[in-house]
Protein backbone atom coordinates (compact mmCIF):
# COMPACT_ATOMS: atom_id res chain seq x y z
CA MET A 1 0.00 0.00 0.00
CA GLY A 2 2.98 2.31 -0.40
CA ASP A 3 1.75 3.51 -3.80
CA PHE A 4 0.63 6.87 -2.36
CA ALA A 5 4.14 8.29 -2.54
CA LYS A 6 4.78 7.22 -6.13
CA SER A 7 4.75 9.90 -8.75
CA VAL A 8 3.61 9.04 -12.24
CA ASP A 9 3.62 11.56 -15.08
CA LEU A 10 1.02 10.85 -17.75
CA SER A 11 1.82 13.92 -19.87
CA ASP A 12 3.15 11.89 -22.81
CA LYS A 13 0.18 9.54 -22.73
CA ILE A 14 -2.31 12.42 -22.60
CA ALA A 15 -0.53 14.07 -25.55
CA ALA A 16 -0.67 10.80 -27.51
CA ILE A 17 -4.45 10.67 -27.03
CA CYS A 18 -4.98 14.36 -27.89
CA LYS A 19 -2.77 14.66 -31.00
CA PRO A 20 -5.05 12.76 -33.41
CA LEU A 21 -8.01 14.92 -32.32
CA ILE A 22 -6.57 18.32 -33.29
CA SER A 23 -5.48 19.97 -36.53
CA ALA A 24 -2.12 21.32 -35.26
CA PRO A 25 -0.59 18.55 -33.12
CA GLU A 26 2.83 20.20 -33.30
CA HIS A 27 1.46 23.04 -31.13
CA LEU A 28 0.19 20.71 -28.40
CA SER A 29 1.80 20.85 -24.98
CA VAL A 30 0.82 18.78 -21.95
CA LYS A 31 2.48 19.59 -18.65
CA MET A 32 1.92 18.27 -15.14
CA THR A 33 1.45 21.38 -13.00
CA ASN A 34 0.76 19.81 -9.62
CA ASP A 35 1.51 16.45 -8.03
CA GLU A 36 0.08 16.04 -4.57
CA ARG A 37 -0.50 12.95 -2.52
CA LYS A 38 -3.97 12.26 -3.90
CA GLU A 39 -4.25 14.52 -6.95
CA GLN A 40 -2.37 15.47 -10.10
CA ALA A 41 -3.10 18.47 -12.27
CA TYR A 42 -2.29 18.75 -15.96
CA LEU A 43 -2.31 21.80 -18.23
CA ILE A 44 -3.09 21.10 -21.88
CA ASN A 45 -2.16 23.96 -24.24
CA CYS A 46 -2.97 24.03 -27.94
CA ASP A 47 -4.02 26.43 -30.68
CA GLU A 48 -7.18 28.40 -30.01
CA ALA A 49 -9.00 26.66 -32.87
CA ASP A 50 -8.20 23.25 -31.37
CA VAL A 51 -9.38 23.89 -27.80
CA GLY A 52 -12.97 23.31 -28.85
CA LYS A 53 -12.01 20.02 -30.47
CA LEU A 54 -10.46 18.82 -27.21
CA LEU A 55 -13.46 19.93 -25.17
CA GLY A 56 -16.03 18.46 -27.54
CA ARG A 57 -19.69 19.22 -27.77
CA HIS A 58 -21.06 19.59 -24.23
CA GLY A 59 -17.62 18.59 -22.87
CA ILE A 60 -17.90 14.97 -23.98
CA ILE A 61 -14.29 14.66 -25.24
CA SER A 62 -12.79 16.36 -22.18
CA ASP A 63 -14.92 14.23 -19.82
CA SER A 64 -13.78 11.07 -21.63
CA LEU A 65 -10.15 12.14 -21.41
CA ARG A 66 -10.52 12.81 -17.68
CA THR A 67 -12.07 9.37 -17.23
CA ILE A 68 -9.18 7.66 -19.04
CA VAL A 69 -6.58 9.53 -17.00
CA ASN A 70 -8.39 8.89 -13.73
CA ILE A 71 -8.59 5.16 -14.49
CA SER A 72 -4.84 5.17 -15.17
CA LEU A 73 -4.19 6.86 -11.82
CA ARG A 74 -6.52 4.61 -9.86
CA ALA A 75 -3.68 2.16 -9.09
CA TYR A 76 -1.85 5.05 -7.38
CA LYS A 77 -4.99 6.13 -5.49
CA LYS A 78 -4.89 9.54 -7.19
CA LYS A 79 -7.30 11.65 -9.21
CA ALA A 80 -6.52 13.95 -12.13
CA SER A 81 -7.52 17.50 -12.88
CA LEU A 82 -7.22 18.61 -16.52
CA THR A 83 -7.15 22.24 -17.61
CA PHE A 84 -7.47 23.16 -21.29
CA ALA A 85 -6.04 26.45 -22.55
CA ALA A 86 -5.14 28.16 -25.80
CA TRP A 87 -1.68 29.51 -26.44
CA PRO A 88 -1.47 33.31 -26.13
CA ASP A 89 -1.82 35.12 -29.44
CA LYS A 90 1.43 35.13 -31.37
CA ALA A 91 2.34 37.39 -34.27
CA ASN A 92 3.43 34.87 -36.91
């Protein structure tokens, strides 16, 4: 039962799930922002046009992604919090 102290970073796995869903996968960034005893927080950044694709209609895609991540963390007795954000406007 010593799994509480283990830290697992699912950033790469979350990115692998998200990349096929968006039109600019090269602009996707997934970063673990918080790792506490019972909770992990992830920040998912992508282009503004792709944020809606990751959220899905009525949040269905984002809810499904949260479910997948939470199931993965269940063995560590942790829960995940996902935050979706668009990159700040850049002058290209």
